PDB file of all heavy atoms in Angstrom:
ATOM      1  N   THR A   1       0.936   9.364   6.720  1.00  0.00           N
ATOM      2  CA  THR A   1       0.583  10.657   6.136  1.00  0.00           C
ATOM      3  C   THR A   1       0.725  10.607   4.616  1.00  0.00           C
ATOM      4  O   THR A   1      -0.098  11.164   3.873  1.00  0.00           O
ATOM      5  CB  THR A   1       1.469  11.772   6.719  1.00  0.00           C
ATOM      6  OG1 THR A   1       1.300  11.811   8.136  1.00  0.00           O
ATOM      7  CG2 THR A   1       1.097  13.131   6.126  1.00  0.00           C
ATOM      8  N   LEU A   2       1.765   9.912   4.140  1.00  0.00           N
ATOM      9  CA  LEU A   2       1.924   9.720   2.698  1.00  0.00           C
ATOM     10  C   LEU A   2       0.805   8.844   2.149  1.00  0.00           C
ATOM     11  O   LEU A   2       0.293   9.092   1.042  1.00  0.00           O
ATOM     12  CB  LEU A   2       3.286   9.094   2.396  1.00  0.00           C
ATOM     13  CG  LEU A   2       4.526   9.898   2.787  1.00  0.00           C
ATOM     14  CD1 LEU A   2       5.795   9.092   2.496  1.00  0.00           C
ATOM     15  CD2 LEU A   2       4.566  11.229   2.057  1.00  0.00           C
ATOM     16  N   VAL A   3       0.404   7.833   2.914  1.00  0.00           N
ATOM     17  CA  VAL A   3      -0.698   6.960   2.509  1.00  0.00           C
ATOM     18  C   VAL A   3      -1.964   7.770   2.260  1.00  0.00           C
ATOM     19  O   VAL A   3      -2.733   7.501   1.324  1.00  0.00           O
ATOM     20  CB  VAL A   3      -0.944   5.866   3.570  1.00  0.00           C
ATOM     21  CG1 VAL A   3      -2.313   5.202   3.377  1.00  0.00           C
ATOM     22  CG2 VAL A   3       0.171   4.816   3.515  1.00  0.00           C
ATOM     23  N   ASP A   4      -2.195   8.781   3.091  1.00  0.00           N
ATOM     24  CA  ASP A   4      -3.382   9.627   2.928  1.00  0.00           C
ATOM     25  C   ASP A   4      -3.459  10.233   1.533  1.00  0.00           C
ATOM     26  O   ASP A   4      -4.551  10.499   1.025  1.00  0.00           O
ATOM     27  CB  ASP A   4      -3.371  10.770   3.953  1.00  0.00           C
ATOM     28  CG  ASP A   4      -3.516  10.276   5.392  1.00  0.00           C
ATOM     29  OD1 ASP A   4      -3.992   9.140   5.585  1.00  0.00           O
ATOM     30  OD2 ASP A   4      -3.149  11.038   6.310  1.00  0.00           O
ATOM     31  N   LYS A   5      -2.292  10.436   0.915  1.00  0.00           N
ATOM     32  CA  LYS A   5      -2.230  11.146  -0.358  1.00  0.00           C
ATOM     33  C   LYS A   5      -1.929  10.227  -1.536  1.00  0.00           C
ATOM     34  O   LYS A   5      -1.834  10.683  -2.683  1.00  0.00           O
ATOM     35  CB  LYS A   5      -1.155  12.233  -0.287  1.00  0.00           C
ATOM     36  CG  LYS A   5      -1.380  13.250   0.843  1.00  0.00           C
ATOM     37  CD  LYS A   5      -0.208  14.206   0.957  1.00  0.00           C
ATOM     38  CE  LYS A   5      -0.409  15.182   2.114  1.00  0.00           C
ATOM     39  NZ  LYS A   5      -1.574  16.068   1.930  1.00  0.00           N
ATOM     40  N   ALA A   6      -1.754   8.930  -1.278  1.00  0.00           N
ATOM     41  CA  ALA A   6      -1.288   7.996  -2.308  1.00  0.00           C
ATOM     42  C   ALA A   6      -2.439   7.316  -3.043  1.00  0.00           C
ATOM     43  O   ALA A   6      -3.543   7.159  -2.520  1.00  0.00           O
ATOM     44  CB  ALA A   6      -0.385   6.935  -1.679  1.00  0.00           C
ATOM     45  N   ASP A   7      -2.144   6.888  -4.263  1.00  0.00           N
ATOM     46  CA  ASP A   7      -3.058   6.044  -5.031  1.00  0.00           C
ATOM     47  C   ASP A   7      -2.719   4.570  -4.850  1.00  0.00           C
ATOM     48  O   ASP A   7      -3.603   3.715  -4.823  1.00  0.00           O
ATOM     49  CB  ASP A   7      -2.973   6.396  -6.516  1.00  0.00           C
ATOM     50  CG  ASP A   7      -3.357   7.833  -6.801  1.00  0.00           C
ATOM     51  OD1 ASP A   7      -4.520   8.182  -6.573  1.00  0.00           O
ATOM     52  OD2 ASP A   7      -2.477   8.599  -7.236  1.00  0.00           O
ATOM     53  N   ILE A   8      -1.416   4.279  -4.741  1.00  0.00           N
ATOM     54  CA  ILE A   8      -0.941   2.894  -4.684  1.00  0.00           C
ATOM     55  C   ILE A   8       0.161   2.800  -3.646  1.00  0.00           C
ATOM     56  O   ILE A   8       0.991   3.710  -3.520  1.00  0.00           O
ATOM     57  CB  ILE A   8      -0.387   2.441  -6.056  1.00  0.00           C
ATOM     58  CG1 ILE A   8      -1.498   2.399  -7.116  1.00  0.00           C
ATOM     59  CG2 ILE A   8       0.302   1.080  -5.967  1.00  0.00           C
ATOM     60  CD1 ILE A   8      -0.970   2.177  -8.526  1.00  0.00           C
ATOM     61  N   LEU A   9       0.193   1.699  -2.900  1.00  0.00           N
ATOM     62  CA  LEU A   9       1.322   1.338  -2.044  1.00  0.00           C
ATOM     63  C   LEU A   9       1.836  -0.014  -2.502  1.00  0.00           C
ATOM     64  O   LEU A   9       1.037  -0.932  -2.735  1.00  0.00           O
ATOM     65  CB  LEU A   9       0.919   1.293  -0.581  1.00  0.00           C
ATOM     66  CG  LEU A   9       2.045   0.965   0.426  1.00  0.00           C
ATOM     67  CD1 LEU A   9       1.828   1.701   1.744  1.00  0.00           C
ATOM     68  CD2 LEU A   9       2.162  -0.539   0.692  1.00  0.00           C
ATOM     69  N   LEU A  10       3.161  -0.141  -2.625  1.00  0.00           N
ATOM     70  CA  LEU A  10       3.798  -1.392  -3.036  1.00  0.00           C
ATOM     71  C   LEU A  10       4.692  -1.904  -1.925  1.00  0.00           C
ATOM     72  O   LEU A  10       5.476  -1.141  -1.356  1.00  0.00           O
ATOM     73  CB  LEU A  10       4.651  -1.176  -4.295  1.00  0.00           C
ATOM     74  CG  LEU A  10       3.965  -0.592  -5.525  1.00  0.00           C
ATOM     75  CD1 LEU A  10       5.003  -0.309  -6.605  1.00  0.00           C
ATOM     76  CD2 LEU A  10       2.894  -1.535  -6.051  1.00  0.00           C
ATOM     77  N   GLU A  11       4.595  -3.198  -1.625  1.00  0.00           N
ATOM     78  CA  GLU A  11       5.504  -3.806  -0.641  1.00  0.00           C
ATOM     79  C   GLU A  11       5.772  -5.246  -1.019  1.00  0.00           C
ATOM     80  O   GLU A  11       4.920  -5.917  -1.595  1.00  0.00           O
ATOM     81  CB  GLU A  11       4.937  -3.674   0.776  1.00  0.00           C
ATOM     82  CG  GLU A  11       3.663  -4.447   1.056  1.00  0.00           C
ATOM     83  CD  GLU A  11       3.908  -5.802   1.715  1.00  0.00           C
ATOM     84  OE1 GLU A  11       5.078  -6.205   1.852  1.00  0.00           O
ATOM     85  OE2 GLU A  11       2.913  -6.459   2.064  1.00  0.00           O
ATOM     86  N   GLY A  12       6.992  -5.706  -0.676  1.00  0.00           N
ATOM     87  CA  GLY A  12       7.395  -7.059  -1.028  1.00  0.00           C
ATOM     88  C   GLY A  12       7.980  -7.834   0.132  1.00  0.00           C
ATOM     89  O   GLY A  12       8.862  -8.677  -0.057  1.00  0.00           O
ATOM     90  N   PHE A  13       7.468  -7.577   1.358  1.00  0.00           N
ATOM     91  CA  PHE A  13       7.968  -8.275   2.541  1.00  0.00           C
ATOM     92  C   PHE A  13       7.231  -9.602   2.741  1.00  0.00           C
ATOM     93  O   PHE A  13       6.219  -9.875   2.102  1.00  0.00           O
ATOM     94  CB  PHE A  13       7.770  -7.415   3.791  1.00  0.00           C
ATOM     95  CG  PHE A  13       8.433  -6.065   3.711  1.00  0.00           C
ATOM     96  CD1 PHE A  13       7.750  -4.913   4.071  1.00  0.00           C
ATOM     97  CD2 PHE A  13       9.747  -5.939   3.282  1.00  0.00           C
ATOM     98  CE1 PHE A  13       8.352  -3.666   4.012  1.00  0.00           C
ATOM     99  CE2 PHE A  13      10.366  -4.691   3.214  1.00  0.00           C
ATOM    100  CZ  PHE A  13       9.659  -3.561   3.574  1.00  0.00           C
ATOM    101  N   ARG A  14       7.739 -10.412   3.669  1.00  0.00           N
ATOM    102  CA  ARG A  14       6.994 -11.615   4.043  1.00  0.00           C
ATOM    103  C   ARG A  14       5.643 -11.223   4.629  1.00  0.00           C
ATOM    104  O   ARG A  14       5.505 -10.150   5.228  1.00  0.00           O
ATOM    105  CB  ARG A  14       7.770 -12.416   5.092  1.00  0.00           C
ATOM    106  CG  ARG A  14       8.978 -13.120   4.557  1.00  0.00           C
ATOM    107  CD  ARG A  14       9.410 -14.212   5.519  1.00  0.00           C
ATOM    108  NE  ARG A  14      10.841 -14.445   5.469  1.00  0.00           N
ATOM    109  CZ  ARG A  14      11.442 -15.502   6.014  1.00  0.00           C
ATOM    110  NH1 ARG A  14      10.724 -16.404   6.668  1.00  0.00           N
ATOM    111  NH2 ARG A  14      12.750 -15.648   5.937  1.00  0.00           N
ATOM    112  N   PRO A  15       4.636 -12.074   4.465  1.00  0.00           N
ATOM    113  CA  PRO A  15       3.331 -11.751   5.045  1.00  0.00           C
ATOM    114  C   PRO A  15       3.447 -11.462   6.542  1.00  0.00           C
ATOM    115  O   PRO A  15       4.119 -12.172   7.278  1.00  0.00           O
ATOM    116  CB  PRO A  15       2.523 -13.031   4.785  1.00  0.00           C
ATOM    117  CG  PRO A  15       3.138 -13.618   3.560  1.00  0.00           C
ATOM    118  CD  PRO A  15       4.610 -13.328   3.690  1.00  0.00           C
ATOM    119  N   GLY A  16       2.817 -10.388   6.969  1.00  0.00           N
ATOM    120  CA  GLY A  16       2.788 -10.027   8.386  1.00  0.00           C
ATOM    121  C   GLY A  16       3.757  -8.936   8.769  1.00  0.00           C
ATOM    122  O   GLY A  16       3.583  -8.292   9.816  1.00  0.00           O
ATOM    123  N   VAL A  17       4.796  -8.684   7.967  1.00  0.00           N
ATOM    124  CA  VAL A  17       5.791  -7.674   8.321  1.00  0.00           C
ATOM    125  C   VAL A  17       5.167  -6.283   8.361  1.00  0.00           C
ATOM    126  O   VAL A  17       5.355  -5.526   9.324  1.00  0.00           O
ATOM    127  CB  VAL A  17       6.985  -7.703   7.341  1.00  0.00           C
ATOM    128  CG1 VAL A  17       7.902  -6.504   7.570  1.00  0.00           C
ATOM    129  CG2 VAL A  17       7.773  -9.004   7.504  1.00  0.00           C
ATOM    130  N   MET A  18       4.423  -5.933   7.346  1.00  0.00           N
ATOM    131  CA  MET A  18       3.801  -4.610   7.319  1.00  0.00           C
ATOM    132  C   MET A  18       2.783  -4.452   8.457  1.00  0.00           C
ATOM    133  O   MET A  18       2.662  -3.373   9.044  1.00  0.00           O
ATOM    134  CB  MET A  18       3.134  -4.366   5.969  1.00  0.00           C
ATOM    135  CG  MET A  18       4.116  -4.135   4.831  1.00  0.00           C
ATOM    136  SD  MET A  18       4.993  -2.555   4.932  1.00  0.00           S
ATOM    137  CE  MET A  18       3.733  -1.440   4.309  1.00  0.00           C
ATOM    138  N   GLU A  19       2.087  -5.526   8.791  1.00  0.00           N
ATOM    139  CA  GLU A  19       1.129  -5.466   9.902  1.00  0.00           C
ATOM    140  C   GLU A  19       1.858  -5.189  11.215  1.00  0.00           C
ATOM    141  O   GLU A  19       1.392  -4.379  12.037  1.00  0.00           O
ATOM    142  CB  GLU A  19       0.352  -6.783   9.989  1.00  0.00           C
ATOM    143  CG  GLU A  19      -0.735  -6.963   8.929  1.00  0.00           C
ATOM    144  CD  GLU A  19      -0.210  -7.479   7.594  1.00  0.00           C
ATOM    145  OE1 GLU A  19       1.033  -7.553   7.409  1.00  0.00           O
ATOM    146  OE2 GLU A  19      -1.027  -7.806   6.724  1.00  0.00           O
ATOM    147  N   ARG A  20       3.011  -5.848  11.414  1.00  0.00           N
ATOM    148  CA  ARG A  20       3.761  -5.636  12.652  1.00  0.00           C
ATOM    149  C   ARG A  20       4.326  -4.223  12.740  1.00  0.00           C
ATOM    150  O   ARG A  20       4.506  -3.683  13.839  1.00  0.00           O
ATOM    151  CB  ARG A  20       4.876  -6.673  12.777  1.00  0.00           C
ATOM    152  CG  ARG A  20       4.357  -8.086  13.056  1.00  0.00           C
ATOM    153  CD  ARG A  20       5.470  -9.025  13.465  1.00  0.00           C
ATOM    154  NE  ARG A  20       6.396  -9.306  12.405  1.00  0.00           N
ATOM    155  CZ  ARG A  20       6.228 -10.264  11.490  1.00  0.00           C
ATOM    156  NH1 ARG A  20       5.112 -11.009  11.493  1.00  0.00           N
ATOM    157  NH2 ARG A  20       7.142 -10.475  10.556  1.00  0.00           N
ATOM    158  N   LEU A  21       4.583  -3.607  11.609  1.00  0.00           N
ATOM    159  CA  LEU A  21       5.057  -2.227  11.601  1.00  0.00           C
ATOM    160  C   LEU A  21       3.942  -1.226  11.874  1.00  0.00           C
ATOM    161  O   LEU A  21       4.206  -0.048  12.139  1.00  0.00           O
ATOM    162  CB  LEU A  21       5.697  -1.898  10.242  1.00  0.00           C
ATOM    163  CG  LEU A  21       7.053  -2.537   9.921  1.00  0.00           C
ATOM    164  CD1 LEU A  21       7.423  -2.286   8.470  1.00  0.00           C
ATOM    165  CD2 LEU A  21       8.135  -1.986  10.857  1.00  0.00           C
ATOM    166  N   GLY A  22       2.709  -1.702  11.794  1.00  0.00           N
ATOM    167  CA  GLY A  22       1.576  -0.781  11.916  1.00  0.00           C
ATOM    168  C   GLY A  22       1.195  -0.149  10.597  1.00  0.00           C
ATOM    169  O   GLY A  22       0.507   0.877  10.560  1.00  0.00           O
ATOM    170  N   LEU A  23       1.614  -0.786   9.483  1.00  0.00           N
ATOM    171  CA  LEU A  23       1.353  -0.262   8.151  1.00  0.00           C
ATOM    172  C   LEU A  23       0.595  -1.257   7.281  1.00  0.00           C
ATOM    173  O   LEU A  23       0.623  -1.173   6.050  1.00  0.00           O
ATOM    174  CB  LEU A  23       2.678   0.103   7.465  1.00  0.00           C
ATOM    175  CG  LEU A  23       3.499   1.213   8.122  1.00  0.00           C
ATOM    176  CD1 LEU A  23       4.880   1.316   7.470  1.00  0.00           C
ATOM    177  CD2 LEU A  23       2.770   2.549   8.033  1.00  0.00           C
ATOM    178  N   GLY A  24      -0.070  -2.218   7.912  1.00  0.00           N
ATOM    179  CA  GLY A  24      -0.803  -3.240   7.174  1.00  0.00           C
ATOM    180  C   GLY A  24      -1.982  -2.669   6.406  1.00  0.00           C
ATOM    181  O   GLY A  24      -2.370  -1.509   6.585  1.00  0.00           O
ATOM    182  N   PRO A  25      -2.584  -3.479   5.557  1.00  0.00           N
ATOM    183  CA  PRO A  25      -3.683  -2.985   4.716  1.00  0.00           C
ATOM    184  C   PRO A  25      -4.891  -2.505   5.496  1.00  0.00           C
ATOM    185  O   PRO A  25      -5.558  -1.558   5.068  1.00  0.00           O
ATOM    186  CB  PRO A  25      -4.021  -4.180   3.823  1.00  0.00           C
ATOM    187  CG  PRO A  25      -3.385  -5.363   4.465  1.00  0.00           C
ATOM    188  CD  PRO A  25      -2.210  -4.858   5.216  1.00  0.00           C
ATOM    189  N   ASP A  26      -5.211  -3.111   6.635  1.00  0.00           N
ATOM    190  CA  ASP A  26      -6.360  -2.641   7.409  1.00  0.00           C
ATOM    191  C   ASP A  26      -6.146  -1.203   7.875  1.00  0.00           C
ATOM    192  O   ASP A  26      -7.045  -0.355   7.778  1.00  0.00           O
ATOM    193  CB  ASP A  26      -6.603  -3.549   8.618  1.00  0.00           C
ATOM    194  CG  ASP A  26      -7.137  -4.920   8.221  1.00  0.00           C
ATOM    195  OD1 ASP A  26      -7.576  -5.062   7.053  1.00  0.00           O
ATOM    196  OD2 ASP A  26      -7.109  -5.839   9.057  1.00  0.00           O
ATOM    197  N   VAL A  27      -4.936  -0.915   8.375  1.00  0.00           N
ATOM    198  CA  VAL A  27      -4.621   0.432   8.833  1.00  0.00           C
ATOM    199  C   VAL A  27      -4.581   1.404   7.651  1.00  0.00           C
ATOM    200  O   VAL A  27      -5.173   2.494   7.694  1.00  0.00           O
ATOM    201  CB  VAL A  27      -3.267   0.455   9.576  1.00  0.00           C
ATOM    202  CG1 VAL A  27      -2.865   1.883   9.916  1.00  0.00           C
ATOM    203  CG2 VAL A  27      -3.347  -0.400  10.832  1.00  0.00           C
ATOM    204  N   ALA A  28      -3.889   0.995   6.579  1.00  0.00           N
ATOM    205  CA  ALA A  28      -3.721   1.888   5.430  1.00  0.00           C
ATOM    206  C   ALA A  28      -5.057   2.189   4.760  1.00  0.00           C
ATOM    207  O   ALA A  28      -5.364   3.352   4.455  1.00  0.00           O
ATOM    208  CB  ALA A  28      -2.749   1.265   4.427  1.00  0.00           C
ATOM    209  N   LEU A  29      -5.876   1.168   4.545  1.00  0.00           N
ATOM    210  CA  LEU A  29      -7.173   1.384   3.909  1.00  0.00           C
ATOM    211  C   LEU A  29      -8.132   2.099   4.842  1.00  0.00           C
ATOM    212  O   LEU A  29      -9.068   2.777   4.390  1.00  0.00           O
ATOM    213  CB  LEU A  29      -7.754   0.057   3.430  1.00  0.00           C
ATOM    214  CG  LEU A  29      -7.087  -0.511   2.161  1.00  0.00           C
ATOM    215  CD1 LEU A  29      -7.405  -1.983   1.985  1.00  0.00           C
ATOM    216  CD2 LEU A  29      -7.528   0.266   0.938  1.00  0.00           C
ATOM    217  N   GLY A  30      -7.897   1.971   6.154  1.00  0.00           N
ATOM    218  CA  GLY A  30      -8.689   2.750   7.105  1.00  0.00           C
ATOM    219  C   GLY A  30      -8.399   4.232   6.997  1.00  0.00           C
ATOM    220  O   GLY A  30      -9.275   5.072   7.242  1.00  0.00           O
ATOM    221  N   ARG A  31      -7.166   4.555   6.611  1.00  0.00           N
ATOM    222  CA  ARG A  31      -6.778   5.953   6.423  1.00  0.00           C
ATOM    223  C   ARG A  31      -7.211   6.477   5.048  1.00  0.00           C
ATOM    224  O   ARG A  31      -7.577   7.632   4.896  1.00  0.00           O
ATOM    225  CB  ARG A  31      -5.258   6.092   6.548  1.00  0.00           C
ATOM    226  CG  ARG A  31      -4.671   5.702   7.891  1.00  0.00           C
ATOM    227  CD  ARG A  31      -4.629   6.838   8.862  1.00  0.00           C
ATOM    228  NE  ARG A  31      -3.879   7.996   8.390  1.00  0.00           N
ATOM    229  CZ  ARG A  31      -2.946   8.614   9.118  1.00  0.00           C
ATOM    230  NH1 ARG A  31      -2.626   8.145  10.326  1.00  0.00           N
ATOM    231  NH2 ARG A  31      -2.334   9.689   8.661  1.00  0.00           N
ATOM    232  N   ASN A  32      -7.090   5.620   4.061  1.00  0.00           N
ATOM    233  CA  ASN A  32      -7.360   6.019   2.674  1.00  0.00           C
ATOM    234  C   ASN A  32      -8.147   4.902   2.004  1.00  0.00           C
ATOM    235  O   ASN A  32      -7.568   3.913   1.548  1.00  0.00           O
ATOM    236  CB  ASN A  32      -6.041   6.290   1.946  1.00  0.00           C
ATOM    237  CG  ASN A  32      -6.226   6.679   0.487  1.00  0.00           C
ATOM    238  OD1 ASN A  32      -7.339   6.681  -0.040  1.00  0.00           O
ATOM    239  ND2 ASN A  32      -5.129   7.000  -0.182  1.00  0.00           N
ATOM    240  N   GLY A  33      -9.453   5.052   1.966  1.00  0.00           N
ATOM    241  CA  GLY A  33     -10.324   3.992   1.454  1.00  0.00           C
ATOM    242  C   GLY A  33     -10.195   3.736  -0.026  1.00  0.00           C
ATOM    243  O   GLY A  33     -10.697   2.728  -0.525  1.00  0.00           O
TER     244      GLY A  33
END
């Protein structure tokens, strides 16, 4: 929901962590192009 309203998202996890959380770039950009 915050992603819907954001300009930028920052993360510094190992590759794949955000995807496993369901917050990867495909999902996030699907919500907010």
